[in-house]
Amino acid sequence: MDEKSENRPAKNIFNPENNEDLLQGWCIHAHKERNRHDLAARRFDQARLWLGGTACVFSAIVGTSVFSVFEKESSPGVAVKAVIVSLSILSAILTSLNTFLNLAERAEKHRSAGAQYKEMIWKIERIQSKTKEPFVLEIEERLKDIQSNAPVVPNGIRSKVEKEFEKIEFVHKADDIYRSNN
């Protein structure tokens, strides 16, 4: 054993004593994994948009520059040619990088994995609630369909909604909603 491993704290290993502890542990794990995949999907999607958008802008600049250069009778200077060539090369690199990194597919795979973890969370929560009502199962199935087909929501929108929900308080009677708003 090396010196570094001796100084590390011992790792805890989950060893549930009953089914409730097991389900709770799995639910926590599923929440963490869902959040990880959700964040990864957002980052890959954002990177895809930045790379693709930047490449489009550079391509548009190169395209319009080439037309304006050909319309003029005099030959453009070396600096103008260098800028056009540089932007053209940079645009090709960004487009190739976007294709090589396959950001769209990676974002979709993480979004899909996040949706599948969310489905598992719902199942665990339903089991923990001990309900077997048919309407609960129908709602769960519909939520799965929606979740599996939903696109990645941009971080700014997600953050705004999360801030709004920080102030949410659950009440147990409908009358309590109206009392708290007055």
N, C-alpha and C. Protein backbone atom coordinates (compact mmCIF):
# COMPACT_ATOMS: atom_id res chain seq x y z
N MET A 1 0.84 -1.17 0.00
CA MET A 1 0.00 0.00 0.00
C MET A 1 0.89 1.24 0.00
N ASP A 2 0.61 2.21 -0.91
CA ASP A 2 1.43 3.40 -0.94
C ASP A 2 0.99 4.41 0.13
N GLU A 3 1.81 5.44 0.31
CA GLU A 3 1.57 6.42 1.38
C GLU A 3 0.27 7.20 1.15
N LYS A 4 -0.03 7.51 -0.10
CA LYS A 4 -1.24 8.28 -0.40
C LYS A 4 -2.51 7.51 -0.02
N SER A 5 -2.55 6.23 -0.32
CA SER A 5 -3.76 5.45 -0.03
C SER A 5 -3.95 5.26 1.47
N GLU A 6 -2.86 5.28 2.23
CA GLU A 6 -2.97 5.14 3.68
C GLU A 6 -3.60 6.37 4.32
N ASN A 7 -3.43 7.54 3.70
CA ASN A 7 -3.95 8.79 4.27
C ASN A 7 -5.39 9.07 3.87
N ARG A 8 -5.91 8.35 2.91
CA ARG A 8 -7.30 8.56 2.48
C ARG A 8 -8.26 7.99 3.50
N PRO A 9 -9.41 8.67 3.68
CA PRO A 9 -10.42 8.10 4.57
C PRO A 9 -11.04 6.85 3.95
N ALA A 10 -11.51 5.98 4.80
CA ALA A 10 -12.15 4.75 4.32
C ALA A 10 -13.41 5.10 3.55
N LYS A 11 -13.70 4.33 2.51
CA LYS A 11 -14.92 4.55 1.73
C LYS A 11 -16.07 3.84 2.41
N ASN A 12 -17.21 4.53 2.39
CA ASN A 12 -18.43 3.90 2.89
C ASN A 12 -19.08 3.12 1.76
N ILE A 13 -19.56 1.96 2.06
CA ILE A 13 -20.26 1.14 1.07
C ILE A 13 -21.68 0.96 1.58
N PHE A 14 -22.62 1.22 0.69
CA PHE A 14 -24.04 1.13 1.03
C PHE A 14 -24.43 -0.31 1.30
N ASN A 15 -24.97 -0.56 2.47
CA ASN A 15 -25.39 -1.90 2.86
C ASN A 15 -26.74 -1.78 3.57
N PRO A 16 -27.83 -1.72 2.78
CA PRO A 16 -29.14 -1.49 3.38
C PRO A 16 -29.60 -2.64 4.27
N GLU A 17 -30.31 -2.25 5.31
CA GLU A 17 -30.81 -3.26 6.25
C GLU A 17 -32.20 -3.76 5.89
N ASN A 18 -32.94 -2.99 5.05
CA ASN A 18 -34.29 -3.40 4.69
C ASN A 18 -34.65 -2.80 3.33
N ASN A 19 -35.82 -3.17 2.84
CA ASN A 19 -36.26 -2.71 1.52
C ASN A 19 -36.44 -1.19 1.46
N GLU A 20 -36.92 -0.59 2.54
CA GLU A 20 -37.12 0.85 2.55
C GLU A 20 -35.78 1.58 2.38
N ASP A 21 -34.76 1.11 3.11
CA ASP A 21 -33.43 1.70 2.99
C ASP A 21 -32.87 1.50 1.58
N LEU A 22 -33.11 0.31 1.03
CA LEU A 22 -32.65 0.00 -0.32
C LEU A 22 -33.28 0.95 -1.32
N LEU A 23 -34.60 1.10 -1.27
CA LEU A 23 -35.29 1.99 -2.20
C LEU A 23 -34.85 3.43 -2.03
N GLN A 24 -34.65 3.86 -0.80
CA GLN A 24 -34.20 5.23 -0.56
C GLN A 24 -32.81 5.44 -1.15
N GLY A 25 -31.92 4.49 -0.96
CA GLY A 25 -30.57 4.59 -1.53
C GLY A 25 -30.60 4.63 -3.05
N TRP A 26 -31.42 3.77 -3.64
CA TRP A 26 -31.55 3.78 -5.09
C TRP A 26 -32.15 5.08 -5.59
N CYS A 27 -33.10 5.61 -4.86
CA CYS A 27 -33.74 6.87 -5.27
C CYS A 27 -32.72 8.01 -5.26
N ILE A 28 -31.90 8.06 -4.22
CA ILE A 28 -30.85 9.09 -4.16
C ILE A 28 -29.88 8.92 -5.32
N HIS A 29 -29.46 7.69 -5.58
CA HIS A 29 -28.55 7.42 -6.69
C HIS A 29 -29.18 7.83 -8.02
N ALA A 30 -30.43 7.48 -8.22
CA ALA A 30 -31.12 7.82 -9.47
C ALA A 30 -31.23 9.33 -9.64
N HIS A 31 -31.49 10.05 -8.55
CA HIS A 31 -31.56 11.51 -8.62
C HIS A 31 -30.20 12.09 -9.03
N LYS A 32 -29.13 11.59 -8.43
CA LYS A 32 -27.79 12.07 -8.77
C LYS A 32 -27.47 11.80 -10.23
N GLU A 33 -27.74 10.58 -10.68
CA GLU A 33 -27.44 10.23 -12.06
C GLU A 33 -28.29 11.04 -13.03
N ARG A 34 -29.55 11.23 -12.70
CA ARG A 34 -30.41 12.03 -13.56
C ARG A 34 -29.86 13.44 -13.68
N ASN A 35 -29.44 14.04 -12.55
CA ASN A 35 -28.89 15.39 -12.58
C ASN A 35 -27.59 15.45 -13.38
N ARG A 36 -26.76 14.42 -13.25
CA ARG A 36 -25.51 14.39 -14.00
C ARG A 36 -25.78 14.35 -15.50
N HIS A 37 -26.69 13.49 -15.90
CA HIS A 37 -27.00 13.36 -17.33
C HIS A 37 -27.70 14.61 -17.85
N ASP A 38 -28.54 15.20 -17.03
CA ASP A 38 -29.22 16.43 -17.43
C ASP A 38 -28.19 17.54 -17.67
N LEU A 39 -27.26 17.70 -16.77
CA LEU A 39 -26.22 18.71 -16.91
C LEU A 39 -25.34 18.42 -18.12
N ALA A 40 -24.97 17.17 -18.32
CA ALA A 40 -24.15 16.81 -19.48
C ALA A 40 -24.89 17.10 -20.78
N ALA A 41 -26.17 16.78 -20.83
CA ALA A 41 -26.96 17.06 -22.04
C ALA A 41 -26.99 18.55 -22.33
N ARG A 42 -27.18 19.35 -21.30
CA ARG A 42 -27.20 20.81 -21.47
C ARG A 42 -25.86 21.33 -21.96
N ARG A 43 -24.78 20.82 -21.40
CA ARG A 43 -23.44 21.29 -21.80
C ARG A 43 -23.13 20.90 -23.24
N PHE A 44 -23.42 19.66 -23.62
CA PHE A 44 -23.16 19.24 -25.00
C PHE A 44 -24.04 20.02 -25.98
N ASP A 45 -25.29 20.25 -25.62
CA ASP A 45 -26.18 21.00 -26.50
C ASP A 45 -25.70 22.44 -26.64
N GLN A 46 -25.27 23.04 -25.53
CA GLN A 46 -24.77 24.41 -25.58
C GLN A 46 -23.49 24.49 -26.42
N ALA A 47 -22.58 23.53 -26.25
CA ALA A 47 -21.36 23.50 -27.05
C ALA A 47 -21.68 23.34 -28.54
N ARG A 48 -22.65 22.49 -28.84
CA ARG A 48 -23.07 22.28 -30.23
C ARG A 48 -23.57 23.59 -30.83
N LEU A 49 -24.39 24.31 -30.07
CA LEU A 49 -24.93 25.57 -30.56
C LEU A 49 -23.84 26.61 -30.77
N TRP A 50 -22.90 26.69 -29.84
CA TRP A 50 -21.81 27.67 -29.97
C TRP A 50 -20.90 27.34 -31.14
N LEU A 51 -20.50 26.08 -31.26
CA LEU A 51 -19.62 25.70 -32.37
C LEU A 51 -20.33 25.89 -33.71
N GLY A 52 -21.54 25.36 -33.80
CA GLY A 52 -22.29 25.47 -35.05
C GLY A 52 -22.63 26.90 -35.41
N GLY A 53 -23.05 27.68 -34.42
CA GLY A 53 -23.39 29.08 -34.67
C GLY A 53 -22.19 29.90 -35.10
N THR A 54 -21.06 29.68 -34.43
CA THR A 54 -19.83 30.41 -34.77
C THR A 54 -19.38 30.04 -36.18
N ALA A 55 -19.44 28.76 -36.51
CA ALA A 55 -19.07 28.31 -37.86
C ALA A 55 -19.98 28.95 -38.90
N CYS A 56 -21.27 29.05 -38.61
CA CYS A 56 -22.21 29.68 -39.56
C CYS A 56 -21.88 31.15 -39.76
N VAL A 57 -21.58 31.85 -38.68
CA VAL A 57 -21.24 33.28 -38.78
C VAL A 57 -19.98 33.45 -39.62
N PHE A 58 -18.94 32.65 -39.34
CA PHE A 58 -17.70 32.77 -40.12
C PHE A 58 -17.93 32.42 -41.58
N SER A 59 -18.73 31.41 -41.85
CA SER A 59 -19.04 31.03 -43.24
C SER A 59 -19.76 32.16 -43.96
N ALA A 60 -20.70 32.80 -43.26
CA ALA A 60 -21.43 33.91 -43.86
C ALA A 60 -20.50 35.09 -44.16
N ILE A 61 -19.58 35.37 -43.23
CA ILE A 61 -18.63 36.46 -43.45
C ILE A 61 -17.74 36.16 -44.65
N VAL A 62 -17.25 34.94 -44.72
CA VAL A 62 -16.39 34.54 -45.84
C VAL A 62 -17.17 34.64 -47.16
N GLY A 63 -18.39 34.12 -47.15
CA GLY A 63 -19.20 34.15 -48.38
C GLY A 63 -19.46 35.55 -48.88
N THR A 64 -19.87 36.44 -47.99
CA THR A 64 -20.14 37.82 -48.42
C THR A 64 -18.85 38.55 -48.78
N SER A 65 -17.75 38.25 -48.10
CA SER A 65 -16.47 38.89 -48.40
C SER A 65 -16.00 38.50 -49.80
N VAL A 66 -16.14 37.24 -50.14
CA VAL A 66 -15.71 36.77 -51.46
C VAL A 66 -16.50 37.48 -52.56
N PHE A 67 -17.82 37.61 -52.38
CA PHE A 67 -18.63 38.30 -53.39
C PHE A 67 -18.25 39.76 -53.50
N SER A 68 -18.03 40.42 -52.37
CA SER A 68 -17.68 41.85 -52.44
C SER A 68 -16.31 42.05 -53.06
N VAL A 69 -15.38 41.13 -52.84
CA VAL A 69 -14.05 41.22 -53.43
C VAL A 69 -14.12 41.06 -54.95
N PHE A 70 -14.95 40.11 -55.42
CA PHE A 70 -15.06 39.90 -56.87
C PHE A 70 -15.78 41.03 -57.57
N GLU A 71 -16.66 41.74 -56.86
CA GLU A 71 -17.39 42.85 -57.48
C GLU A 71 -16.49 44.06 -57.70
N LYS A 72 -15.47 44.22 -56.87
CA LYS A 72 -14.55 45.35 -57.01
C LYS A 72 -13.58 45.06 -58.14
N GLU A 73 -13.22 46.12 -58.86
CA GLU A 73 -12.29 45.95 -59.97
C GLU A 73 -10.86 45.75 -59.49
N SER A 74 -10.51 46.43 -58.40
CA SER A 74 -9.13 46.31 -57.93
C SER A 74 -8.98 45.05 -57.09
N SER A 75 -7.80 44.53 -57.09
CA SER A 75 -7.50 43.32 -56.33
C SER A 75 -7.40 43.67 -54.85
N PRO A 76 -7.98 42.81 -53.97
CA PRO A 76 -7.90 43.11 -52.54
C PRO A 76 -6.47 42.98 -52.03
N GLY A 77 -6.20 43.66 -50.94
CA GLY A 77 -4.87 43.61 -50.36
C GLY A 77 -4.59 42.26 -49.72
N VAL A 78 -3.34 42.07 -49.38
CA VAL A 78 -2.90 40.81 -48.78
C VAL A 78 -3.60 40.59 -47.44
N ALA A 79 -3.78 41.66 -46.68
CA ALA A 79 -4.42 41.54 -45.36
C ALA A 79 -5.86 41.05 -45.50
N VAL A 80 -6.60 41.59 -46.46
CA VAL A 80 -7.99 41.18 -46.68
C VAL A 80 -8.04 39.71 -47.10
N LYS A 81 -7.16 39.33 -47.99
CA LYS A 81 -7.11 37.93 -48.42
C LYS A 81 -6.79 37.01 -47.24
N ALA A 82 -5.85 37.43 -46.39
CA ALA A 82 -5.46 36.62 -45.23
C ALA A 82 -6.63 36.45 -44.26
N VAL A 83 -7.39 37.53 -44.06
CA VAL A 83 -8.55 37.45 -43.15
C VAL A 83 -9.60 36.50 -43.72
N ILE A 84 -9.87 36.61 -45.02
CA ILE A 84 -10.87 35.75 -45.66
C ILE A 84 -10.45 34.29 -45.58
N VAL A 85 -9.21 34.02 -45.89
CA VAL A 85 -8.70 32.64 -45.85
C VAL A 85 -8.73 32.12 -44.41
N SER A 86 -8.31 32.95 -43.46
CA SER A 86 -8.30 32.54 -42.04
C SER A 86 -9.70 32.20 -41.55
N LEU A 87 -10.66 33.06 -41.87
CA LEU A 87 -12.04 32.80 -41.45
C LEU A 87 -12.59 31.55 -42.13
N SER A 88 -12.23 31.35 -43.37
CA SER A 88 -12.67 30.15 -44.09
C SER A 88 -12.11 28.89 -43.44
N ILE A 89 -10.84 28.92 -43.10
CA ILE A 89 -10.21 27.77 -42.44
C ILE A 89 -10.82 27.56 -41.06
N LEU A 90 -11.00 28.64 -40.30
CA LEU A 90 -11.58 28.54 -38.96
C LEU A 90 -13.01 27.99 -39.03
N SER A 91 -13.77 28.42 -39.99
CA SER A 91 -15.13 27.91 -40.17
C SER A 91 -15.12 26.42 -40.47
N ALA A 92 -14.21 25.99 -41.33
CA ALA A 92 -14.11 24.56 -41.65
C ALA A 92 -13.69 23.76 -40.43
N ILE A 93 -12.76 24.30 -39.64
CA ILE A 93 -12.31 23.61 -38.43
C ILE A 93 -13.46 23.46 -37.44
N LEU A 94 -14.22 24.53 -37.21
CA LEU A 94 -15.34 24.48 -36.26
C LEU A 94 -16.42 23.51 -36.72
N THR A 95 -16.71 23.53 -38.01
CA THR A 95 -17.71 22.60 -38.55
C THR A 95 -17.24 21.15 -38.40
N SER A 96 -15.98 20.91 -38.71
CA SER A 96 -15.42 19.56 -38.57
C SER A 96 -15.39 19.13 -37.11
N LEU A 97 -15.02 20.05 -36.23
CA LEU A 97 -14.97 19.74 -34.80
C LEU A 97 -16.35 19.38 -34.28
N ASN A 98 -17.35 20.13 -34.71
CA ASN A 98 -18.73 19.85 -34.30
C ASN A 98 -19.15 18.45 -34.77
N THR A 99 -18.77 18.11 -36.00
CA THR A 99 -19.09 16.78 -36.52
C THR A 99 -18.30 15.70 -35.79
N PHE A 100 -17.01 15.93 -35.59
CA PHE A 100 -16.14 14.95 -34.94
C PHE A 100 -16.59 14.68 -33.50
N LEU A 101 -16.90 15.72 -32.76
CA LEU A 101 -17.30 15.55 -31.36
C LEU A 101 -18.71 14.98 -31.22
N ASN A 102 -19.48 15.04 -32.31
CA ASN A 102 -20.83 14.47 -32.33
C ASN A 102 -21.66 14.97 -31.14
N LEU A 103 -21.63 16.27 -30.93
CA LEU A 103 -22.25 16.86 -29.75
C LEU A 103 -23.76 16.65 -29.72
N ALA A 104 -24.41 16.71 -30.86
CA ALA A 104 -25.87 16.53 -30.89
C ALA A 104 -26.26 15.14 -30.39
N GLU A 105 -25.57 14.12 -30.88
CA GLU A 105 -25.90 12.75 -30.47
C GLU A 105 -25.55 12.53 -28.99
N ARG A 106 -24.43 13.09 -28.56
CA ARG A 106 -24.04 12.93 -27.16
C ARG A 106 -25.06 13.62 -26.24
N ALA A 107 -25.51 14.81 -26.63
CA ALA A 107 -26.52 15.51 -25.83
C ALA A 107 -27.79 14.68 -25.77
N GLU A 108 -28.19 14.10 -26.90
CA GLU A 108 -29.41 13.30 -26.94
C GLU A 108 -29.28 12.05 -26.08
N LYS A 109 -28.13 11.41 -26.10
CA LYS A 109 -27.94 10.21 -25.28
C LYS A 109 -28.02 10.55 -23.79
N HIS A 110 -27.43 11.66 -23.40
CA HIS A 110 -27.51 12.07 -21.99
C HIS A 110 -28.94 12.47 -21.61
N ARG A 111 -29.64 13.15 -22.53
CA ARG A 111 -31.02 13.53 -22.26
C ARG A 111 -31.88 12.28 -22.08
N SER A 112 -31.65 11.29 -22.94
CA SER A 112 -32.39 10.04 -22.86
C SER A 112 -32.08 9.30 -21.56
N ALA A 113 -30.81 9.24 -21.20
CA ALA A 113 -30.43 8.57 -19.94
C ALA A 113 -31.06 9.29 -18.75
N GLY A 114 -31.05 10.62 -18.77
CA GLY A 114 -31.68 11.39 -17.70
C GLY A 114 -33.17 11.09 -17.59
N ALA A 115 -33.83 10.97 -18.74
CA ALA A 115 -35.26 10.65 -18.75
C ALA A 115 -35.51 9.25 -18.18
N GLN A 116 -34.64 8.32 -18.50
CA GLN A 116 -34.80 6.96 -17.98
C GLN A 116 -34.57 6.92 -16.47
N TYR A 117 -33.61 7.67 -15.98
CA TYR A 117 -33.42 7.75 -14.52
C TYR A 117 -34.64 8.39 -13.86
N LYS A 118 -35.21 9.40 -14.51
CA LYS A 118 -36.40 10.04 -13.96
C LYS A 118 -37.55 9.03 -13.86
N GLU A 119 -37.69 8.18 -14.86
CA GLU A 119 -38.71 7.13 -14.82
C GLU A 119 -38.49 6.20 -13.62
N MET A 120 -37.25 5.86 -13.38
CA MET A 120 -36.95 4.99 -12.23
C MET A 120 -37.27 5.68 -10.91
N ILE A 121 -36.98 6.98 -10.85
CA ILE A 121 -37.31 7.74 -9.64
C ILE A 121 -38.81 7.67 -9.38
N TRP A 122 -39.60 7.85 -10.43
CA TRP A 122 -41.07 7.80 -10.27
C TRP A 122 -41.51 6.43 -9.78
N LYS A 123 -40.93 5.39 -10.34
CA LYS A 123 -41.30 4.04 -9.91
C LYS A 123 -40.95 3.81 -8.44
N ILE A 124 -39.75 4.23 -8.05
CA ILE A 124 -39.34 4.07 -6.65
C ILE A 124 -40.27 4.87 -5.74
N GLU A 125 -40.59 6.10 -6.14
CA GLU A 125 -41.49 6.92 -5.32
C GLU A 125 -42.88 6.28 -5.21
N ARG A 126 -43.34 5.71 -6.33
CA ARG A 126 -44.65 5.05 -6.30
C ARG A 126 -44.61 3.85 -5.36
N ILE A 127 -43.54 3.06 -5.43
CA ILE A 127 -43.41 1.90 -4.54
C ILE A 127 -43.34 2.36 -3.09
N GLN A 128 -42.59 3.42 -2.83
CA GLN A 128 -42.48 3.92 -1.46
C GLN A 128 -43.81 4.44 -0.94
N SER A 129 -44.63 4.98 -1.86
CA SER A 129 -45.94 5.48 -1.43
C SER A 129 -46.95 4.35 -1.24
N LYS A 130 -46.59 3.15 -1.71
CA LYS A 130 -47.41 1.95 -1.59
C LYS A 130 -48.77 2.07 -2.29
N THR A 131 -48.82 2.90 -3.34
CA THR A 131 -50.07 3.04 -4.08
C THR A 131 -50.04 2.15 -5.32
N LYS A 132 -51.20 1.60 -5.62
CA LYS A 132 -51.36 0.79 -6.83
C LYS A 132 -52.59 1.24 -7.60
N GLU A 133 -53.00 2.47 -7.33
CA GLU A 133 -54.19 3.00 -8.00
C GLU A 133 -53.94 3.08 -9.51
N PRO A 134 -54.93 2.65 -10.32
CA PRO A 134 -54.75 2.68 -11.78
C PRO A 134 -54.45 4.08 -12.33
N PHE A 135 -55.08 5.11 -11.76
CA PHE A 135 -54.85 6.45 -12.29
C PHE A 135 -53.40 6.90 -12.06
N VAL A 136 -52.78 6.45 -10.97
CA VAL A 136 -51.38 6.80 -10.71
C VAL A 136 -50.49 6.14 -11.76
N LEU A 137 -50.79 4.89 -12.09
CA LEU A 137 -50.01 4.18 -13.10
C LEU A 137 -50.18 4.83 -14.47
N GLU A 138 -51.40 5.29 -14.78
CA GLU A 138 -51.65 5.98 -16.05
C GLU A 138 -50.87 7.29 -16.13
N ILE A 139 -50.87 8.03 -15.05
CA ILE A 139 -50.14 9.30 -15.02
C ILE A 139 -48.64 9.03 -15.17
N GLU A 140 -48.16 8.02 -14.48
CA GLU A 140 -46.74 7.67 -14.57
C GLU A 140 -46.36 7.34 -16.02
N GLU A 141 -47.19 6.58 -16.72
CA GLU A 141 -46.91 6.22 -18.11
C GLU A 141 -46.91 7.45 -19.00
N ARG A 142 -47.86 8.34 -18.78
CA ARG A 142 -47.92 9.57 -19.58
C ARG A 142 -46.70 10.46 -19.32
N LEU A 143 -46.30 10.57 -18.05
CA LEU A 143 -45.11 11.36 -17.72
C LEU A 143 -43.87 10.77 -18.40
N LYS A 144 -43.77 9.44 -18.45
CA LYS A 144 -42.65 8.79 -19.13
C LYS A 144 -42.61 9.17 -20.61
N ASP A 145 -43.78 9.15 -21.26
CA ASP A 145 -43.85 9.51 -22.68
C ASP A 145 -43.38 10.95 -22.90
N ILE A 146 -43.87 11.85 -22.06
CA ILE A 146 -43.50 13.26 -22.20
C ILE A 146 -42.01 13.43 -21.98
N GLN A 147 -41.51 12.84 -20.90
CA GLN A 147 -40.09 12.97 -20.54
C GLN A 147 -39.18 12.41 -21.63
N SER A 148 -39.55 11.28 -22.22
CA SER A 148 -38.67 10.64 -23.20
C SER A 148 -38.62 11.41 -24.52
N ASN A 149 -39.61 12.25 -24.79
CA ASN A 149 -39.64 13.01 -26.04
C ASN A 149 -39.30 14.49 -25.87
N ALA A 150 -39.07 14.92 -24.64
CA ALA A 150 -38.80 16.33 -24.38
C ALA A 150 -37.39 16.71 -24.81
N PRO A 151 -37.23 17.90 -25.40
CA PRO A 151 -35.88 18.35 -25.76
C PRO A 151 -35.14 18.87 -24.53
N VAL A 152 -33.86 19.15 -24.70
CA VAL A 152 -33.06 19.72 -23.63
C VAL A 152 -33.47 21.19 -23.47
N VAL A 153 -33.78 21.58 -22.24
CA VAL A 153 -34.15 22.96 -21.95
C VAL A 153 -32.87 23.75 -21.68
N PRO A 154 -32.69 24.92 -22.30
CA PRO A 154 -31.47 25.71 -22.06
C PRO A 154 -31.30 26.07 -20.58
N ASN A 155 -30.04 26.18 -20.15
CA ASN A 155 -29.73 26.44 -18.74
C ASN A 155 -30.41 27.69 -18.19
N GLY A 156 -30.45 28.76 -18.97
CA GLY A 156 -31.05 30.01 -18.49
C GLY A 156 -32.51 29.83 -18.12
N ILE A 157 -33.25 29.13 -18.95
CA ILE A 157 -34.67 28.88 -18.68
C ILE A 157 -34.81 27.95 -17.48
N ARG A 158 -33.99 26.92 -17.43
CA ARG A 158 -34.04 25.97 -16.31
C ARG A 158 -33.75 26.69 -14.99
N SER A 159 -32.73 27.54 -14.98
CA SER A 159 -32.36 28.27 -13.76
C SER A 159 -33.48 29.20 -13.31
N LYS A 160 -34.12 29.86 -14.26
CA LYS A 160 -35.21 30.78 -13.93
C LYS A 160 -36.36 30.02 -13.26
N VAL A 161 -36.73 28.88 -13.82
CA VAL A 161 -37.82 28.08 -13.25
C VAL A 161 -37.42 27.56 -11.86
N GLU A 162 -36.18 27.10 -11.73
CA GLU A 162 -35.72 26.60 -10.44
C GLU A 162 -35.80 27.69 -9.37
N LYS A 163 -35.44 28.92 -9.72
CA LYS A 163 -35.51 30.04 -8.76
C LYS A 163 -36.96 30.30 -8.34
N GLU A 164 -37.87 30.21 -9.31
CA GLU A 164 -39.28 30.42 -8.99
C GLU A 164 -39.79 29.35 -8.02
N PHE A 165 -39.32 28.13 -8.18
CA PHE A 165 -39.79 27.04 -7.34
C PHE A 165 -39.11 26.98 -5.97
N GLU A 166 -38.06 27.76 -5.77
CA GLU A 166 -37.43 27.82 -4.45
C GLU A 166 -38.39 28.37 -3.41
N LYS A 167 -39.35 29.17 -3.85
CA LYS A 167 -40.28 29.83 -2.94
C LYS A 167 -41.57 29.02 -2.73
N ILE A 168 -41.67 27.87 -3.36
CA ILE A 168 -42.89 27.07 -3.30
C ILE A 168 -42.99 26.39 -1.93
N GLU A 169 -44.18 26.44 -1.37
CA GLU A 169 -44.47 25.71 -0.14
C GLU A 169 -45.67 24.82 -0.40
N PHE A 170 -45.59 23.59 0.05
CA PHE A 170 -46.70 22.66 -0.12
C PHE A 170 -47.70 22.88 1.01
N VAL A 171 -48.96 22.86 0.63
CA VAL A 171 -50.04 22.93 1.61
C VAL A 171 -50.88 21.67 1.46
N HIS A 172 -51.58 21.31 2.51
CA HIS A 172 -52.32 20.05 2.48
C HIS A 172 -53.81 20.23 2.23
N LYS A 173 -54.28 21.46 2.31
CA LYS A 173 -55.70 21.74 2.03
C LYS A 173 -55.79 22.90 1.06
N ALA A 174 -56.76 22.86 0.18
CA ALA A 174 -56.94 23.92 -0.80
C ALA A 174 -57.18 25.27 -0.12
N ASP A 175 -57.88 25.27 1.02
CA ASP A 175 -58.13 26.52 1.74
C ASP A 175 -56.84 27.20 2.16
N ASP A 176 -55.81 26.40 2.45
CA ASP A 176 -54.53 26.97 2.87
C ASP A 176 -53.87 27.80 1.77
N ILE A 177 -54.14 27.47 0.53
CA ILE A 177 -53.58 28.25 -0.60
C ILE A 177 -54.14 29.65 -0.55
N TYR A 178 -55.44 29.76 -0.37
CA TYR A 178 -56.09 31.06 -0.41
C TYR A 178 -55.76 31.88 0.83
N ARG A 179 -55.59 31.25 1.96
CA ARG A 179 -55.23 31.97 3.18
C ARG A 179 -53.83 32.55 3.07
N SER A 180 -52.90 31.80 2.47
CA SER A 180 -51.52 32.29 2.36
C SER A 180 -51.38 33.39 1.32
N ASN A 181 -52.30 33.48 0.36
CA ASN A 181 -52.22 34.52 -0.67
C ASN A 181 -52.91 35.81 -0.25
N ASN A 182 -53.69 35.80 0.81
CA ASN A 182 -54.40 37.01 1.25
C ASN A 182 -53.62 37.80 2.24
